[in-house]
Each structure stands twice: as structure tokens, then as C-alpha cells.
Protein backbone atom coordinates (compact mmCIF):
# COMPACT_ATOMS: atom_id res chain seq x y z
CA UNK A 1 -17.49 151.31 169.80
CA UNK A 2 -17.64 154.76 171.30
CA UNK A 3 -16.30 157.75 169.47
CA UNK A 4 -13.20 157.93 171.65
CA UNK A 5 -12.18 154.35 170.91
CA UNK A 6 -13.69 152.86 174.08
CA UNK A 7 -13.33 149.15 174.66
CA UNK A 8 -16.30 147.12 173.33
CA UNK A 9 -18.14 144.77 175.66
CA UNK A 10 -16.70 141.25 175.58
CA UNK A 11 -18.78 138.93 173.44
CA UNK A 12 -20.28 141.74 171.38
CA UNK A 13 -17.25 142.72 169.32
CA UNK A 14 -18.15 142.45 165.66
CA UNK A 15 -14.99 142.18 163.64
CA UNK A 16 -14.86 141.52 159.94
CA UNK A 17 -13.15 138.97 157.79
CA UNK A 18 -11.20 140.61 154.97
CA UNK A 19 -13.77 140.58 152.19
CA UNK A 20 -12.95 139.53 148.66
CA UNK A 21 -14.67 141.59 146.00
CA UNK A 22 -14.24 139.04 143.22
CA UNK A 23 -15.20 141.05 140.19
CA UNK A 24 -14.39 138.33 137.70
CA UNK A 25 -16.31 135.68 139.64
CA UNK A 26 -19.29 137.90 140.39
CA UNK A 27 -19.54 138.89 136.76
CA UNK A 28 -20.59 135.40 135.77
CA UNK A 29 -24.15 136.29 136.79
CA UNK A 30 -24.19 138.80 133.94
CA UNK A 31 -24.14 136.07 131.32
CA UNK A 32 -27.69 134.73 131.41
CA UNK A 33 -28.92 131.98 129.13
CA UNK A 34 -30.05 133.19 125.74
CA UNK A 35 -28.73 136.72 126.09
CA UNK A 36 -26.72 136.43 122.90
CA UNK A 37 -29.49 134.80 120.89
CA UNK A 38 -30.80 136.86 117.96
CA UNK A 39 -34.28 138.36 118.46
CA UNK A 40 -37.12 136.26 117.14
CA UNK A 41 -38.27 137.09 113.60
CA UNK A 42 -41.59 136.43 111.86
CA UNK A 43 -39.69 135.59 108.70
CA UNK A 44 -37.98 132.26 108.16
CA UNK A 45 -35.25 133.94 106.13
CA UNK A 46 -32.41 135.77 107.87
CA UNK A 47 -31.23 138.80 105.86
CA UNK A 48 -27.52 138.95 105.14
CA UNK A 49 -25.96 142.32 106.00
CA UNK A 50 -24.43 144.17 103.12
CA UNK A 51 -21.20 146.11 103.37
CA UNK A 52 -23.20 149.26 104.20
CA UNK A 53 -25.19 147.39 106.88
CA UNK A 54 -22.45 147.05 109.49
CA UNK A 55 -23.71 145.10 112.53
CA UNK A 56 -24.95 147.27 115.39
CA UNK A 57 -22.32 145.97 117.83
CA UNK A 58 -19.51 146.85 115.44
CA UNK A 59 -20.87 150.35 114.87
CA UNK A 60 -21.24 150.88 118.61
CA UNK A 61 -17.71 149.76 119.43
CA UNK A 62 -16.00 151.56 116.52
CA UNK A 63 -15.18 155.19 115.82
CA UNK A 64 -17.36 157.62 117.76
CA UNK A 65 -19.19 154.85 119.58
CA UNK A 66 -19.04 153.63 123.15
CA UNK A 67 -15.26 153.73 123.48
CA UNK A 68 -15.04 157.37 122.44
CA UNK A 69 -17.92 158.33 124.74
CA UNK A 70 -16.29 156.62 127.72
CA UNK A 71 -12.95 158.29 127.04
CA UNK A 72 -14.65 161.68 126.81
CA UNK A 73 -16.44 161.14 130.13
CA UNK A 74 -13.26 160.10 131.95
CA UNK A 75 -11.37 163.15 130.65
CA UNK A 76 -14.28 165.39 131.65
CA UNK A 77 -14.17 164.21 135.26
CA UNK A 78 -10.42 164.63 135.54
CA UNK A 79 -10.52 168.14 134.05
CA UNK A 80 -13.73 169.27 135.77
CA UNK A 81 -15.85 169.82 132.65
CA UNK A 82 -19.46 168.90 133.43
CA UNK A 83 -20.79 169.86 130.00
CA UNK A 84 -18.30 167.49 128.39
CA UNK A 85 -19.32 164.72 130.81
CA UNK A 86 -22.97 165.15 129.79
CA UNK A 87 -22.21 165.67 126.09
CA UNK A 88 -23.26 162.17 125.04
CA UNK A 89 -26.03 161.62 127.61
CA UNK A 90 -29.54 161.34 126.18
CA UNK A 91 -31.03 164.89 126.38
CA UNK A 92 -34.51 163.39 126.79
CA UNK A 93 -33.58 161.34 129.87
CA UNK A 94 -33.71 163.98 132.61
CA UNK A 95 -33.36 161.49 135.47
CA UNK A 96 -30.22 160.00 133.95
CA UNK A 97 -28.72 163.44 133.41
CA UNK A 98 -29.50 164.41 137.01
CA UNK A 99 -27.88 161.20 138.30
CA UNK A 100 -24.86 161.76 136.10
CA UNK A 101 -24.50 165.33 137.31
CA UNK A 102 -24.46 164.10 140.91
CA UNK A 103 -21.96 161.33 140.14
CA UNK A 104 -19.72 163.88 138.42
CA UNK A 105 -19.82 166.17 141.47
CA UNK A 106 -19.07 163.25 143.80
CA UNK A 107 -16.10 162.05 141.75
CA UNK A 108 -14.70 165.57 141.66
CA UNK A 109 -14.94 165.74 145.47
CA UNK A 110 -13.01 162.49 145.83
CA UNK A 111 -9.96 163.90 144.08
CA UNK A 112 -8.85 161.40 141.46
CA UNK A 113 -5.39 160.67 140.18
CA UNK A 114 -6.65 158.47 137.36
CA UNK A 115 -9.98 157.49 135.85
CA UNK A 116 -10.82 155.44 132.78
CA UNK A 117 -13.64 153.32 131.45
CA UNK A 118 -13.47 150.39 129.09
CA UNK A 119 -16.07 148.17 127.51
CA UNK A 120 -15.57 144.68 128.88
CA UNK A 121 -14.77 142.57 125.82
CA UNK A 122 -15.51 139.40 127.79
CA UNK A 123 -19.26 140.07 127.63
CA UNK A 124 -21.31 140.41 124.47
CA UNK A 125 -23.52 143.51 124.09
CA UNK A 126 -27.07 142.78 125.20
CA UNK A 127 -29.98 143.63 122.93
CA UNK A 128 -32.45 146.06 124.49
CA UNK A 129 -35.26 145.62 121.97
CA UNK A 130 -37.76 147.49 124.16
CA UNK A 131 -35.75 150.66 123.54
CA UNK A 132 -35.27 150.19 119.80
CA UNK A 133 -33.36 148.08 117.27
CA UNK A 134 -30.00 149.84 117.71
CA UNK A 135 -29.87 149.81 121.51
CA UNK A 136 -27.32 147.71 123.34
CA UNK A 137 -26.38 147.28 127.01
CA UNK A 138 -22.71 146.58 127.68
CA UNK A 139 -20.65 145.75 130.71
CA UNK A 140 -18.16 148.49 131.47
CA UNK A 141 -15.18 148.46 133.79
CA UNK A 142 -14.59 151.70 135.64
CA UNK A 143 -10.95 152.01 136.73
CA UNK A 144 -10.64 154.60 139.49
CA UNK A 145 -7.66 155.74 141.57
CA UNK A 146 -8.10 158.15 144.48
CA UNK A 147 -5.15 160.54 144.66
CA UNK A 148 -2.83 159.93 147.61
CA UNK A 149 -4.76 156.82 148.65
CA UNK A 150 -4.78 154.10 146.00
CA UNK A 151 -1.50 152.68 144.74
CA UNK A 152 -3.23 151.67 141.50
CA UNK A 153 -6.66 152.07 139.88
CA UNK A 154 -9.27 149.58 141.07
CA UNK A 155 -12.00 148.15 138.90
CA UNK A 156 -15.72 148.33 139.52
CA UNK A 157 -18.40 147.01 137.17
CA UNK A 158 -21.07 149.12 135.50
CA UNK A 159 -23.89 148.47 133.08
CA UNK A 160 -24.32 151.14 130.38
CA UNK A 161 -26.92 151.21 127.61
CA UNK A 162 -26.09 152.96 124.33
CA UNK A 163 -28.49 153.89 121.52
CA UNK A 164 -27.87 155.08 117.99
CA UNK A 165 -29.84 158.22 117.24
CA UNK A 166 -29.54 159.85 113.80
CA UNK A 167 -26.12 158.28 113.25
CA UNK A 168 -24.87 159.39 116.68
CA UNK A 169 -24.36 157.18 119.71
CA UNK A 170 -25.75 158.30 123.07
CA UNK A 171 -25.77 156.93 126.60
CA UNK A 172 -29.46 156.36 127.34
CA UNK A 173 -29.35 154.44 130.63
CA UNK A 174 -26.86 153.51 133.34
CA UNK A 175 -28.58 150.14 133.59
CA UNK A 176 -28.54 149.87 137.38
CA UNK A 177 -30.99 146.98 137.26
CA UNK A 178 -28.52 144.95 135.21
CA UNK A 179 -25.70 146.09 137.46
CA UNK A 180 -27.44 144.42 140.40
CA UNK A 181 -26.56 141.12 138.80
CA UNK A 182 -22.87 142.00 139.09
CA UNK A 183 -22.72 142.91 142.76
CA UNK A 184 -25.00 143.40 145.74
CA UNK A 185 -23.73 146.83 146.75
CA UNK A 186 -23.32 150.30 145.28
CA UNK A 187 -20.31 152.56 145.14
CA UNK A 188 -20.68 155.60 147.44
CA UNK A 189 -20.67 158.08 144.55
CA UNK A 190 -23.80 156.35 143.19
CA UNK A 191 -25.80 156.90 146.40
CA UNK A 192 -26.55 160.60 146.31
CA UNK A 193 -24.57 163.62 147.41
CA UNK A 194 -21.51 162.89 149.54
CA UNK A 195 -19.15 164.57 151.99
CA UNK A 196 -15.43 163.88 151.58
CA UNK A 197 -12.92 164.53 154.35
CA UNK A 198 -9.27 164.18 153.43
CA UNK A 199 -6.48 163.93 156.00
CA UNK A 200 -2.92 162.60 155.68
CA UNK A 201 -3.22 158.90 155.00
CA UNK A 202 -7.02 158.72 154.92
CA UNK A 203 -10.06 159.81 152.92
CA UNK A 204 -13.50 159.38 154.49
CA UNK A 205 -16.68 159.36 152.38
CA UNK A 206 -20.01 160.03 154.12
CA UNK A 207 -23.51 161.16 153.10
CA UNK A 208 -24.11 164.86 152.65
CA UNK A 209 -25.01 166.42 155.99
CA UNK A 210 -22.79 164.02 157.96
CA UNK A 211 -19.53 165.89 157.75
CA UNK A 212 -19.05 165.96 161.56
CA UNK A 213 -19.08 162.17 161.61
CA UNK A 214 -16.70 162.05 158.64
CA UNK A 215 -14.36 164.41 160.51
CA UNK A 216 -14.59 162.18 163.58
CA UNK A 217 -13.81 159.05 161.56
CA UNK A 218 -10.84 160.78 159.94
CA UNK A 219 -9.53 161.61 163.42
CA UNK A 220 -10.10 158.05 164.63
CA UNK A 221 -8.42 156.68 161.52
CA UNK A 222 -5.33 158.78 162.11
CA UNK A 223 -5.25 157.52 165.69
CA UNK A 224 -5.32 153.92 164.39
CA UNK A 225 -2.82 154.16 161.53
CA UNK A 226 0.46 154.40 163.53
CA UNK A 227 -0.06 151.15 165.48
CA UNK A 228 -1.04 149.34 162.27
CA UNK A 229 2.08 150.50 160.45
CA UNK A 230 4.44 149.80 163.35
CA UNK A 231 3.07 146.27 163.85
CA UNK A 232 2.58 145.14 160.27
CA UNK A 233 5.77 146.91 159.09
CA UNK A 234 3.82 147.72 155.93
CA UNK A 235 3.29 151.30 154.76
CA UNK A 236 0.35 152.03 152.49
CA UNK A 237 -0.14 155.28 150.64
CA UNK A 238 -3.46 155.67 152.40
CA UNK A 239 -6.84 154.16 153.10
CA UNK A 240 -10.33 154.98 151.81
CA UNK A 241 -13.03 154.73 154.50
CA UNK A 242 -16.65 154.52 153.33
CA UNK A 243 -19.29 155.42 155.93
CA UNK A 244 -22.56 155.81 154.04
CA UNK A 245 -26.07 155.70 155.55
CA UNK A 246 -27.51 153.71 152.64
CA UNK A 247 -27.51 149.95 153.24
CA UNK A 248 -26.65 149.44 149.58
CA UNK A 249 -23.12 150.65 150.32
CA UNK A 250 -22.37 147.27 151.91
CA UNK A 251 -22.82 143.76 150.57
CA UNK A 252 -25.26 141.84 152.82
CA UNK A 253 -23.03 138.78 152.43
CA UNK A 254 -20.25 140.53 154.37
CA UNK A 255 -20.94 138.81 157.68
CA UNK A 256 -18.94 137.54 160.63
CA UNK A 257 -20.02 134.93 163.13
CA UNK A 258 -23.55 134.99 161.72
CA UNK A 259 -23.87 138.75 162.25
CA UNK A 260 -23.68 141.59 159.75
CA UNK A 261 -20.09 142.80 159.92
CA UNK A 262 -19.46 146.12 161.64
CA UNK A 263 -16.95 146.86 158.88
CA UNK A 264 -14.96 145.06 156.21
CA UNK A 265 -11.63 145.53 154.52
CA UNK A 266 -12.79 144.95 150.95
CA UNK A 267 -10.12 144.11 148.39
CA UNK A 268 -9.50 146.43 145.46
CA UNK A 269 -9.11 144.50 142.22
CA UNK A 270 -7.49 145.59 138.96
CA UNK A 271 -7.19 143.78 135.62
CA UNK A 272 -4.13 141.54 135.52
CA UNK A 273 -4.04 141.57 131.72
CA UNK A 274 -5.20 143.89 128.91
CA UNK A 275 -8.20 141.67 128.19
CA UNK A 276 -9.43 142.05 131.80
CA UNK A 277 -10.05 138.32 131.91
CA UNK A 278 -8.08 137.99 135.16
CA UNK A 279 -7.85 140.26 138.18
CA UNK A 280 -5.31 140.91 140.93
CA UNK A 281 -5.52 142.53 144.37
CA UNK A 282 -4.00 146.03 144.38
CA UNK A 283 -5.15 147.24 147.80
CA UNK A 284 -8.19 147.53 150.03
CA UNK A 285 -10.75 150.01 151.24
CA UNK A 286 -12.70 149.87 154.50
CA UNK A 287 -16.50 149.90 154.34
CA UNK A 288 -18.34 150.57 157.60
CA UNK A 289 -21.77 149.05 158.17
CA UNK A 290 -24.29 151.92 157.93
CA UNK A 291 -25.70 150.87 161.31
CA UNK A 292 -22.27 151.27 162.89
CA UNK A 293 -20.98 154.38 161.14
CA UNK A 294 -21.60 156.79 164.03
CA UNK A 295 -20.16 154.37 166.62
CA UNK A 296 -17.15 152.93 164.83
CA UNK A 297 -13.95 154.08 166.46
CA UNK A 298 -10.20 153.64 166.31
CA UNK A 299 -10.21 150.05 167.61
CA UNK A 300 -12.48 148.73 164.88
CA UNK A 301 -10.60 150.80 162.31
CA UNK A 302 -7.23 149.46 163.50
CA UNK A 303 -8.57 145.93 163.05
CA UNK A 304 -9.75 146.57 159.50
CA UNK A 305 -6.69 148.61 158.55
CA UNK A 306 -4.59 145.60 159.57
CA UNK A 307 -6.57 143.39 157.19
CA UNK A 308 -6.05 146.00 154.48
CA UNK A 309 -2.30 146.17 155.12
CA UNK A 310 -1.84 142.40 155.05
CA UNK A 311 -4.22 141.74 152.17
CA UNK A 312 -1.63 142.22 149.45
CA UNK A 313 0.41 139.32 150.79
CA UNK A 314 -2.14 136.76 149.62
CA UNK A 315 -5.29 135.07 150.87
CA UNK A 316 -4.08 131.65 152.00
CA UNK A 317 -3.15 132.40 155.62
CA UNK A 318 -5.30 130.47 158.12
CA UNK A 319 -8.20 132.40 159.59
CA UNK A 320 -6.82 132.14 163.12
CA UNK A 321 -3.74 134.06 161.97
CA UNK A 322 -5.62 136.58 159.82
CA UNK A 323 -8.10 137.44 162.58
CA UNK A 324 -5.67 136.89 165.44
CA UNK A 325 -3.17 139.31 163.91
CA UNK A 326 -5.87 141.97 163.47
CA UNK A 327 -7.08 141.38 167.03
CA UNK A 328 -3.52 141.67 168.29
CA UNK A 329 -3.13 145.10 166.66
CA UNK A 330 -6.56 146.20 167.89
CA UNK A 331 -5.74 145.15 171.46
CA UNK A 332 -2.34 146.82 171.40
CA UNK A 333 -4.14 150.05 170.58
CA UNK A 334 -6.70 149.34 173.30
CA UNK A 335 -3.85 148.97 175.80
CA UNK A 336 -2.41 152.29 174.69
CA UNK A 337 -5.82 153.85 175.27
CA UNK A 338 -6.06 152.73 178.89
CA UNK A 339 -7.75 149.33 178.71
CA UNK A 340 -4.94 147.21 180.18
CA UNK A 341 -7.12 145.90 183.03
CA UNK A 342 -9.97 144.90 180.74
CA UNK A 343 -7.52 143.14 178.41
CA UNK A 344 -5.90 141.33 181.33
CA UNK A 345 -9.29 140.11 182.55
CA UNK A 346 -10.27 138.97 179.07
CA UNK A 347 -6.93 137.19 178.65
CA UNK A 348 -7.33 135.33 181.95
CA UNK A 349 -10.83 134.18 181.02
CA UNK A 350 -9.76 133.00 177.57
CA UNK A 351 -6.74 131.13 178.91
CA UNK A 352 -8.79 129.44 181.61
CA UNK A 353 -11.96 128.62 179.68
CA UNK A 354 -10.97 128.34 176.03
CA UNK A 355 -7.24 127.94 175.39
CA UNK A 356 -6.98 125.22 178.02
CA UNK A 357 -9.43 123.17 175.95
CA UNK A 358 -7.64 123.61 172.61
CA UNK A 359 -7.09 120.42 170.64
CA UNK A 360 -6.23 122.02 167.30
CA UNK A 361 -5.87 125.60 166.12
CA UNK A 362 -9.21 127.21 165.13
CA UNK A 363 -10.20 125.70 161.80
CA UNK A 364 -10.99 127.90 158.79
CA UNK A 365 -14.30 126.43 157.66
CA UNK A 366 -15.82 126.40 161.17
CA UNK A 367 -13.93 129.34 162.64
CA UNK A 368 -16.91 130.27 164.82
CA UNK A 369 -17.91 126.67 165.51
CA UNK A 370 -16.36 125.61 168.80
CA UNK A 371 -15.79 129.07 170.27
CA UNK A 372 -18.41 131.28 168.61
CA UNK A 373 -17.28 134.91 168.97
CA UNK A 374 -14.46 133.77 171.26
CA UNK A 375 -12.68 132.43 168.16
CA UNK A 376 -11.37 135.96 167.76
CA UNK A 377 -10.15 136.03 171.34
CA UNK A 378 -8.52 132.61 171.08
CA UNK A 379 -6.80 133.71 167.88
CA UNK A 380 -5.60 136.87 169.62
CA UNK A 381 -4.04 134.76 172.38
CA UNK A 382 -2.26 132.60 169.79
CA UNK A 383 -0.73 135.59 168.00
CA UNK A 384 0.15 137.32 171.27
CA UNK A 385 1.95 134.17 172.38
CA UNK A 386 3.85 133.95 169.10
CA UNK A 387 4.95 137.59 169.26
CA UNK A 388 5.98 137.19 172.91
CA UNK A 389 7.94 134.00 172.21
CA UNK A 390 9.41 134.66 168.75
CA UNK A 391 9.18 138.42 168.15
CA UNK A 392 7.14 140.58 165.78
CA UNK A 393 9.44 140.17 162.79
CA UNK A 394 9.21 136.37 162.98
CA UNK A 395 5.40 136.45 163.16
CA UNK A 396 5.25 138.83 160.19
CA UNK A 397 7.47 136.48 158.18
CA UNK A 398 5.30 133.53 159.17
CA UNK A 399 2.19 135.42 158.03
CA UNK A 400 3.78 136.32 154.67
CA UNK A 401 4.78 132.72 153.96
CA UNK A 402 1.39 131.31 154.92
CA UNK A 403 -0.48 133.99 152.96
CA UNK A 404 1.33 133.03 149.77
CA UNK A 405 -0.10 129.53 150.12
CA UNK A 406 -1.23 127.10 149.08
CA UNK A 407 -3.53 126.60 152.04
CA UNK A 408 -3.00 122.84 152.23
CA UNK A 409 -2.55 121.46 155.79
CA UNK A 410 0.79 119.89 154.89
CA UNK A 411 2.13 123.20 153.59
CA UNK A 412 0.98 125.05 156.69
CA UNK A 413 2.68 122.48 158.90
CA UNK A 414 5.88 122.86 156.89
CA UNK A 415 5.80 126.66 157.23
CA UNK A 416 5.20 126.43 160.99
CA UNK A 417 8.23 124.17 161.34
CA UNK A 418 10.32 126.50 159.17
CA UNK A 419 9.59 129.65 161.20
CA UNK A 420 8.83 128.32 164.69
CA UNK A 421 10.72 125.02 164.75
CA UNK A 422 7.62 123.20 166.03
CA UNK A 423 4.53 121.44 164.73
CA UNK A 424 0.91 122.53 165.15
CA UNK A 425 0.48 119.91 167.87
CA UNK A 426 3.48 121.29 169.73
CA UNK A 427 2.18 124.84 169.30
CA UNK A 428 -1.16 123.87 170.85
CA UNK A 429 0.66 122.25 173.77
CA UNK A 430 2.79 125.38 174.28
CA UNK A 431 -0.29 127.62 174.23
CA UNK A 432 -1.79 125.69 177.15
CA UNK A 433 1.22 126.67 179.25
CA UNK A 434 1.07 130.35 178.28
CA UNK A 435 0.00 132.69 181.07
CA UNK A 436 0.37 136.05 179.30
CA UNK A 437 3.15 138.41 178.29
CA UNK A 438 5.77 139.09 180.92
């Protein structure tokens, strides 16, 4: 993509599947075998704690322990009090205090409406015997809401290590090594100093020193938002765009067609119950591949913003509709930006070489199988045909019904018949007669 939204070369368009950041599922890697076993003892007898010998975990979680420290840190960020944020950080751990100071500055730049931390009660504290007998690592959920962007706080997992020193609990490590077991990427505020550019409807996060690119991406985002809203008929408060240089800002598993994705619309999850044992989708953010951050333009952003807008409807829609709908929005914007001839040529090629050979609609599990990257083009043609034949409102209703699921073939067939009055077989036959919008 060029910076002015230029049309990508056919066959080299990297578009991303809406990524699911399954916090609850990913967290299962935290629970390793034996982690809750008591440390080995040279004595055969196990001492019984007296009333005055309250277990370490209970002392850490009660009173002025971990919960109070986390609440203090959240309040400090929201009120801009660095000294309060560092109040319970180990004075002897200079590297941790430096990291925390940078994280604090980054979070302040973001502009937060809400921030809280909670110890995840679903995971037992982990003994850190190498640091002392009263040292425990815990899983923490950070609930963060960017002002004017997020409709609700989203959860991200942390690993914090607390130690009892002279009757006082301190944060002695942010346990990033343990955190790697929870997810394969890092939040942008954990990756050094950042630039934040805020415009109506969008916040862009970039590395320090890359403000011009952040400004460009904010401009490109604002150029993409109107077509997304007018097509999807869904209005979000805003969108967070992450464009970091560090490869750790993006999960290496976010791939499309065998290639690293140029960008992904990653779901935001929030606890669905007080125990945080279940999670629900509350929005999305767009993460740009570091390799693509200076080239990503309005077309790619329109594609990913469409995934973000439709993500709240559910995740059971067939891939041909999910990707075809995003391609349809992207190509509408491309047409508005002067690429009608290129689109017409691409349409003719797809109709002649690919759609004419359709037997079934592109299948989820092998979406790239028969058509490789052209699966996106074929899916675009399908959605364009549906909008041309039935209208945008009908296609949006079809999407909403299919997204709610379940994704069983029989249910999908029933929904097609409900909205389009035809079967999948009949739809494939109709597509072969399609020669483009009038």
C-alpha cells in the first residue's frame, strides 16, 4: 500500500482474518504441571500453621497486599501521580522501576477513561523460591479503556511477582518471562517510549520518533472510516491503531494465506462475569505488521476497520462472507480513489477464471486452498453480487444472522434461504451468470 491509498498489485494483497485474542484459552498455558505443589522439604513432617502463621497467599491477597497495591497503581495512572505508581515497587530493582516509569508515561499519553487491575482468582499464586520464601507470582488482569475509543475496558494478562519485606508487600518483578506463556505478543505500552496521535474516531500508537507516520496513519484512518460506517451501518466510538516497530507487538500466528498478515483486527475481550472465568468480545483494535507500518494505507485500514465493526455480531459467519464483506468495503473505497479501471479488470479476470469454475462457496477450513490469494477476490465478487441483487441492508442482515451461528452447514443453508430465497447451490449457479454491477 502506498501512503495515499494506492491500489495494491493483484495477487500481493495481504489482508487479515479477524483475529481472536482468546485470553481465557491462552491462559491455560499458565497452569503448568506441579506449579501448585508444595516445595520439597528435607523433613518428613509438615509443620501445621498456627493462627499467627497465616499462609503466605492469604497474607498477600488480604489487607495491604496485592489487591491494595494494584488499586493504588490504577488510581495513580488515572490521576497522573508517578510517585504513587512507584510507591510499592521494589526500591532495589532499578530496571523494574525504570520500566514502570516508562509504562506510566505511555499510559498517560494514551488518555484513559478507566483502568483497573485484579488478581486472577482462577490461577493459584506461584512460588518463586529463588527470590525467597514469601515471594509469589500471580496472574493479573489489566482492564484498560481508552477514552473516546473503547466502549468498554478490555482485558490483557500480566504476570506480577510480589514479595513480603519487613511486613510490607512490594512488587519485585513484572514477570515478563511468565507472561510469554500467556500470549506471544506485547502491548505497545510495554515496548518502550511511544507516540500517540489522537484524531476524531481514531488513536494511533507508534514508536517514539515516528510521529510523522502516526500522523499519516491517523489521516488514512479518517479517510477510511466513512465508507466503513456507511456500508456496515455500524457506528463505533472509535478505533485504536497500533503501528509499532517491534515485532513483539504482533502475534506471529496472525497469518493469512500462509503469509504474515499485513494487519489484523484483534478482538478486545472483557470478563463476562465477576470471577473472570468467561470472556466476551467488547470491540476490536487494529494491529499493523511492523514491516508494513510505513506502507499501510486507507485501503488496508478500511478492510480491517470493517472486520472490527462486524466483530461484535459474532464469529460464526462463513469466511467467504467475512472476508468478502471486508473486500467489498475496501474496493468501494478504491473506486472512490480512482481505481475503477483496475477493479473492472480484476473483476473480469475473476469472473472468467475463478467464478466460472465455482462448485461450492469458498470453504472455511481451506479458504486459500482452491484459489490461494484469489479466495479474497472470489469472496468479493460474491458479496458484490449479493449487494447488487438484494441491496446492502439485506446483505447486512444476512451477515448478522450468520454471525450469530451456529456455523453448521444446515443452519447456514437455512439462513441463506431465509434472506435470499435460494440455496447455496442456486447461489453458485447465479454467480456464474453475474457479469458485474450495472
